[in-house]
Amino acid sequence: MRVLRSFQRAAFVAIFAVLLLFLLYPDAVKAHFAIYEETLSPNSPANELVHRTQTYPVQQLGYAFTYPRWSYGYGIGTASLGIQYVMRIMHASYMGIAVESGYGKRFRFL
């Protein structure tokens, strides 16, 4: 029962926040809703819902396998998935932000 009430309170706060934003900034909120309606409505000619949920992810997955080292996780976003386990086993400190982009490349052992 407590969980249900917390969901009700969270929904109430979210609805209240949207209404407050609509009262304070009506043009900005209308512009956002117009974009959502144009791109996500199935009746819209500029519908991107199918592209965003089906076509694009499958297409990008196919592109990931064009890299020569895809089996090592390069290009498919899995190169650093094991870092959390290495840190736990080796007792290494936190690696920092943006590890896959090249920042914070070295381990600092305790």
N, C-alpha and C. Protein backbone atom coordinates (compact mmCIF):
# COMPACT_ATOMS: atom_id res chain seq x y z
N MET A 1 0.82 -1.20 0.00
CA MET A 1 0.00 0.00 0.00
C MET A 1 0.87 1.27 0.00
N ARG A 2 1.99 1.20 0.73
CA ARG A 2 2.87 2.36 0.78
C ARG A 2 3.49 2.64 -0.58
N VAL A 3 3.81 1.58 -1.31
CA VAL A 3 4.39 1.75 -2.65
C VAL A 3 3.37 2.39 -3.58
N LEU A 4 2.13 1.95 -3.52
CA LEU A 4 1.08 2.53 -4.35
C LEU A 4 0.90 4.01 -4.05
N ARG A 5 0.92 4.35 -2.78
CA ARG A 5 0.77 5.78 -2.42
C ARG A 5 1.97 6.60 -2.88
N SER A 6 3.16 6.02 -2.84
CA SER A 6 4.32 6.78 -3.31
C SER A 6 4.24 6.99 -4.82
N PHE A 7 3.73 5.99 -5.58
CA PHE A 7 3.52 6.19 -7.01
C PHE A 7 2.46 7.26 -7.27
N GLN A 8 1.42 7.27 -6.48
CA GLN A 8 0.37 8.28 -6.64
C GLN A 8 0.92 9.67 -6.37
N ARG A 9 1.74 9.78 -5.33
CA ARG A 9 2.33 11.09 -5.01
C ARG A 9 3.28 11.55 -6.11
N ALA A 10 4.09 10.62 -6.62
CA ALA A 10 5.02 10.98 -7.69
C ALA A 10 4.27 11.40 -8.94
N ALA A 11 3.18 10.71 -9.28
CA ALA A 11 2.37 11.08 -10.44
C ALA A 11 1.73 12.45 -10.23
N PHE A 12 1.25 12.70 -9.02
CA PHE A 12 0.66 14.00 -8.71
C PHE A 12 1.68 15.12 -8.87
N VAL A 13 2.88 14.92 -8.36
CA VAL A 13 3.93 15.93 -8.47
C VAL A 13 4.30 16.16 -9.93
N ALA A 14 4.40 15.09 -10.72
CA ALA A 14 4.74 15.25 -12.14
C ALA A 14 3.64 16.00 -12.88
N ILE A 15 2.39 15.66 -12.65
CA ILE A 15 1.28 16.36 -13.31
C ILE A 15 1.24 17.81 -12.88
N PHE A 16 1.44 18.06 -11.60
CA PHE A 16 1.45 19.43 -11.09
C PHE A 16 2.59 20.23 -11.73
N ALA A 17 3.77 19.61 -11.88
CA ALA A 17 4.91 20.31 -12.48
C ALA A 17 4.64 20.65 -13.94
N VAL A 18 4.03 19.73 -14.68
CA VAL A 18 3.72 19.99 -16.09
C VAL A 18 2.69 21.11 -16.20
N LEU A 19 1.67 21.08 -15.34
CA LEU A 19 0.67 22.15 -15.36
C LEU A 19 1.29 23.50 -14.99
N LEU A 20 2.19 23.49 -14.01
CA LEU A 20 2.85 24.73 -13.63
C LEU A 20 3.72 25.27 -14.77
N LEU A 21 4.43 24.38 -15.44
CA LEU A 21 5.22 24.80 -16.59
C LEU A 21 4.33 25.33 -17.71
N PHE A 22 3.19 24.68 -17.91
CA PHE A 22 2.26 25.14 -18.94
C PHE A 22 1.72 26.52 -18.62
N LEU A 23 1.49 26.81 -17.34
CA LEU A 23 1.01 28.14 -16.96
C LEU A 23 2.10 29.20 -17.07
N LEU A 24 3.34 28.84 -16.73
CA LEU A 24 4.42 29.82 -16.73
C LEU A 24 5.03 30.02 -18.12
N TYR A 25 5.19 28.93 -18.87
CA TYR A 25 5.82 28.99 -20.18
C TYR A 25 4.97 28.26 -21.22
N PRO A 26 3.83 28.80 -21.59
CA PRO A 26 2.94 28.04 -22.48
C PRO A 26 3.51 27.83 -23.88
N ASP A 27 4.22 28.80 -24.43
CA ASP A 27 4.76 28.64 -25.78
C ASP A 27 5.82 27.55 -25.85
N ALA A 28 6.67 27.50 -24.85
CA ALA A 28 7.73 26.48 -24.84
C ALA A 28 7.13 25.08 -24.69
N VAL A 29 6.15 24.92 -23.83
CA VAL A 29 5.54 23.60 -23.63
C VAL A 29 4.77 23.18 -24.88
N LYS A 30 4.08 24.12 -25.51
CA LYS A 30 3.36 23.79 -26.74
C LYS A 30 4.32 23.37 -27.85
N ALA A 31 5.48 24.01 -27.93
CA ALA A 31 6.47 23.65 -28.95
C ALA A 31 6.99 22.23 -28.74
N HIS A 32 7.24 21.88 -27.47
CA HIS A 32 7.72 20.52 -27.18
C HIS A 32 6.65 19.49 -27.52
N PHE A 33 5.42 19.74 -27.14
CA PHE A 33 4.35 18.79 -27.45
C PHE A 33 4.12 18.68 -28.95
N ALA A 34 4.31 19.78 -29.68
CA ALA A 34 4.15 19.73 -31.14
C ALA A 34 5.22 18.84 -31.77
N ILE A 35 6.45 18.94 -31.28
CA ILE A 35 7.52 18.09 -31.81
C ILE A 35 7.23 16.63 -31.50
N TYR A 36 6.79 16.34 -30.28
CA TYR A 36 6.48 14.95 -29.92
C TYR A 36 5.33 14.42 -30.76
N GLU A 37 4.33 15.25 -31.00
CA GLU A 37 3.19 14.81 -31.80
C GLU A 37 3.60 14.55 -33.24
N GLU A 38 4.46 15.40 -33.80
CA GLU A 38 4.89 15.23 -35.19
C GLU A 38 5.77 14.00 -35.37
N THR A 39 6.65 13.74 -34.42
CA THR A 39 7.61 12.65 -34.62
C THR A 39 7.14 11.30 -34.08
N LEU A 40 6.25 11.28 -33.10
CA LEU A 40 5.87 10.02 -32.48
C LEU A 40 4.44 9.59 -32.77
N SER A 41 3.63 10.45 -33.34
CA SER A 41 2.25 10.08 -33.64
C SER A 41 2.21 9.18 -34.88
N PRO A 42 1.49 8.06 -34.81
CA PRO A 42 1.42 7.17 -35.98
C PRO A 42 0.70 7.80 -37.17
N ASN A 43 -0.13 8.80 -36.93
CA ASN A 43 -0.87 9.45 -38.01
C ASN A 43 -0.07 10.55 -38.71
N SER A 44 1.07 10.92 -38.17
CA SER A 44 1.85 12.01 -38.73
C SER A 44 2.68 11.54 -39.92
N PRO A 45 2.80 12.37 -40.97
CA PRO A 45 3.65 11.99 -42.11
C PRO A 45 5.14 11.99 -41.75
N ALA A 46 5.52 12.70 -40.71
CA ALA A 46 6.93 12.74 -40.28
C ALA A 46 7.18 11.78 -39.13
N ASN A 47 6.44 10.69 -39.08
CA ASN A 47 6.55 9.73 -38.00
C ASN A 47 7.92 9.06 -37.98
N GLU A 48 8.59 9.10 -36.83
CA GLU A 48 9.88 8.46 -36.67
C GLU A 48 9.84 7.33 -35.65
N LEU A 49 8.67 6.95 -35.21
CA LEU A 49 8.55 5.96 -34.15
C LEU A 49 9.11 4.61 -34.58
N VAL A 50 8.76 4.15 -35.76
CA VAL A 50 9.26 2.86 -36.24
C VAL A 50 10.77 2.94 -36.47
N HIS A 51 11.22 4.06 -37.03
CA HIS A 51 12.66 4.22 -37.28
C HIS A 51 13.44 4.21 -35.98
N ARG A 52 12.95 4.90 -34.95
CA ARG A 52 13.67 4.99 -33.69
C ARG A 52 13.66 3.69 -32.90
N THR A 53 12.62 2.89 -33.04
CA THR A 53 12.52 1.68 -32.23
C THR A 53 12.94 0.42 -32.95
N GLN A 54 12.89 0.38 -34.28
CA GLN A 54 13.19 -0.85 -34.99
C GLN A 54 14.32 -0.69 -35.99
N THR A 55 14.20 0.21 -36.90
CA THR A 55 15.17 0.33 -38.00
C THR A 55 16.54 0.77 -37.52
N TYR A 56 16.62 1.85 -36.76
CA TYR A 56 17.90 2.42 -36.35
C TYR A 56 18.72 1.46 -35.48
N PRO A 57 18.15 0.85 -34.42
CA PRO A 57 18.99 -0.05 -33.61
C PRO A 57 19.54 -1.24 -34.39
N VAL A 58 18.74 -1.83 -35.25
CA VAL A 58 19.20 -2.97 -36.04
C VAL A 58 20.27 -2.53 -37.03
N GLN A 59 20.09 -1.36 -37.64
CA GLN A 59 21.07 -0.83 -38.59
C GLN A 59 22.41 -0.55 -37.88
N GLN A 60 22.37 0.05 -36.70
CA GLN A 60 23.60 0.35 -35.98
C GLN A 60 24.30 -0.91 -35.49
N LEU A 61 23.54 -1.93 -35.12
CA LEU A 61 24.14 -3.20 -34.74
C LEU A 61 24.86 -3.82 -35.92
N GLY A 62 24.28 -3.72 -37.10
CA GLY A 62 24.95 -4.22 -38.30
C GLY A 62 26.22 -3.46 -38.59
N TYR A 63 26.22 -2.14 -38.37
CA TYR A 63 27.44 -1.35 -38.57
C TYR A 63 28.53 -1.75 -37.57
N ALA A 64 28.16 -2.11 -36.36
CA ALA A 64 29.14 -2.48 -35.35
C ALA A 64 29.94 -3.70 -35.78
N PHE A 65 29.32 -4.62 -36.51
CA PHE A 65 30.02 -5.82 -36.93
C PHE A 65 30.90 -5.60 -38.15
N THR A 66 30.92 -4.40 -38.71
CA THR A 66 31.82 -4.11 -39.82
C THR A 66 33.23 -3.77 -39.34
N TYR A 67 33.39 -3.46 -38.05
CA TYR A 67 34.72 -3.18 -37.50
C TYR A 67 35.51 -4.49 -37.43
N PRO A 68 36.81 -4.42 -37.72
CA PRO A 68 37.59 -5.66 -37.73
C PRO A 68 37.74 -6.30 -36.35
N ARG A 69 37.69 -5.53 -35.28
CA ARG A 69 37.90 -6.09 -33.94
C ARG A 69 36.60 -6.14 -33.15
N TRP A 70 35.49 -6.40 -33.81
CA TRP A 70 34.20 -6.41 -33.12
C TRP A 70 34.11 -7.52 -32.08
N SER A 71 34.85 -8.62 -32.28
CA SER A 71 34.78 -9.73 -31.32
C SER A 71 35.41 -9.37 -29.98
N TYR A 72 36.24 -8.32 -29.96
CA TYR A 72 36.83 -7.84 -28.71
C TYR A 72 35.97 -6.77 -28.05
N GLY A 73 34.85 -6.45 -28.63
CA GLY A 73 33.96 -5.44 -28.05
C GLY A 73 34.14 -4.07 -28.65
N TYR A 74 35.05 -3.92 -29.60
CA TYR A 74 35.28 -2.61 -30.21
C TYR A 74 34.13 -2.28 -31.15
N GLY A 75 33.48 -1.16 -30.92
CA GLY A 75 32.42 -0.70 -31.79
C GLY A 75 31.03 -1.12 -31.39
N ILE A 76 30.91 -2.06 -30.45
CA ILE A 76 29.57 -2.49 -30.03
C ILE A 76 29.24 -2.06 -28.61
N GLY A 77 30.11 -1.28 -27.99
CA GLY A 77 29.82 -0.71 -26.68
C GLY A 77 30.04 -1.65 -25.52
N THR A 78 30.77 -2.73 -25.72
CA THR A 78 30.98 -3.68 -24.63
C THR A 78 32.44 -3.77 -24.21
N ALA A 79 33.28 -2.87 -24.67
CA ALA A 79 34.70 -2.95 -24.38
C ALA A 79 34.99 -2.78 -22.89
N SER A 80 34.19 -2.01 -22.17
CA SER A 80 34.49 -1.75 -20.77
C SER A 80 33.50 -2.40 -19.82
N LEU A 81 32.73 -3.37 -20.28
CA LEU A 81 31.76 -4.01 -19.39
C LEU A 81 32.42 -4.77 -18.26
N GLY A 82 33.60 -5.32 -18.48
CA GLY A 82 34.27 -6.10 -17.45
C GLY A 82 35.07 -5.29 -16.47
N ILE A 83 35.15 -3.98 -16.64
CA ILE A 83 35.97 -3.15 -15.77
C ILE A 83 35.50 -3.22 -14.32
N GLN A 84 34.21 -3.29 -14.10
CA GLN A 84 33.72 -3.34 -12.72
C GLN A 84 34.22 -4.60 -12.01
N TYR A 85 34.34 -5.72 -12.74
CA TYR A 85 34.82 -6.95 -12.13
C TYR A 85 36.32 -6.90 -11.91
N VAL A 86 37.05 -6.30 -12.84
CA VAL A 86 38.50 -6.14 -12.67
C VAL A 86 38.78 -5.26 -11.46
N MET A 87 38.02 -4.21 -11.30
CA MET A 87 38.22 -3.33 -10.16
C MET A 87 37.96 -4.06 -8.85
N ARG A 88 36.96 -4.91 -8.83
CA ARG A 88 36.63 -5.64 -7.60
C ARG A 88 37.71 -6.68 -7.29
N ILE A 89 38.16 -7.42 -8.29
CA ILE A 89 39.15 -8.47 -8.06
C ILE A 89 40.51 -7.89 -7.73
N MET A 90 40.92 -6.86 -8.47
CA MET A 90 42.25 -6.28 -8.29
C MET A 90 42.28 -5.21 -7.20
N HIS A 91 41.15 -4.91 -6.61
CA HIS A 91 41.03 -3.87 -5.57
C HIS A 91 41.51 -2.52 -6.09
N ALA A 92 41.14 -2.20 -7.31
CA ALA A 92 41.53 -0.94 -7.93
C ALA A 92 40.53 0.14 -7.54
N SER A 93 40.99 1.38 -7.58
CA SER A 93 40.09 2.49 -7.27
C SER A 93 39.25 2.83 -8.49
N TYR A 94 38.35 3.76 -8.32
CA TYR A 94 37.43 4.16 -9.38
C TYR A 94 38.19 4.70 -10.58
N MET A 95 37.77 4.29 -11.78
CA MET A 95 38.50 4.64 -13.00
C MET A 95 38.27 6.07 -13.47
N GLY A 96 37.24 6.71 -13.07
CA GLY A 96 36.98 8.06 -13.53
C GLY A 96 35.93 8.10 -14.62
N ILE A 97 35.71 9.26 -15.15
CA ILE A 97 34.66 9.47 -16.14
C ILE A 97 35.20 9.25 -17.55
N ALA A 98 34.36 8.81 -18.42
CA ALA A 98 34.65 8.67 -19.85
C ALA A 98 35.81 7.73 -20.13
N VAL A 99 35.76 6.53 -19.58
CA VAL A 99 36.85 5.58 -19.74
C VAL A 99 36.99 5.16 -21.19
N GLU A 100 35.89 4.88 -21.86
CA GLU A 100 35.98 4.40 -23.24
C GLU A 100 36.46 5.46 -24.20
N SER A 101 36.33 6.73 -23.85
CA SER A 101 36.77 7.77 -24.76
C SER A 101 38.25 8.09 -24.62
N GLY A 102 38.92 7.49 -23.64
CA GLY A 102 40.36 7.69 -23.51
C GLY A 102 40.77 8.47 -22.29
N TYR A 103 39.85 9.10 -21.61
CA TYR A 103 40.20 9.82 -20.40
C TYR A 103 40.28 8.83 -19.24
N GLY A 104 41.26 8.97 -18.40
CA GLY A 104 41.37 8.10 -17.24
C GLY A 104 41.73 6.68 -17.61
N LYS A 105 42.78 6.51 -18.40
CA LYS A 105 43.12 5.19 -18.92
C LYS A 105 43.83 4.30 -17.90
N ARG A 106 44.39 4.81 -16.88
CA ARG A 106 45.22 3.95 -16.05
C ARG A 106 44.51 3.57 -14.77
N PHE A 107 44.85 2.39 -14.27
CA PHE A 107 44.38 1.93 -12.97
C PHE A 107 45.23 2.56 -11.89
N ARG A 108 44.61 2.86 -10.79
CA ARG A 108 45.36 3.29 -9.63
C ARG A 108 45.08 2.26 -8.54
N PHE A 109 46.06 1.45 -8.23
CA PHE A 109 45.86 0.40 -7.26
C PHE A 109 45.97 0.95 -5.86
N LEU A 110 45.22 0.36 -4.95
CA LEU A 110 45.26 0.81 -3.56
C LEU A 110 46.50 0.34 -2.85
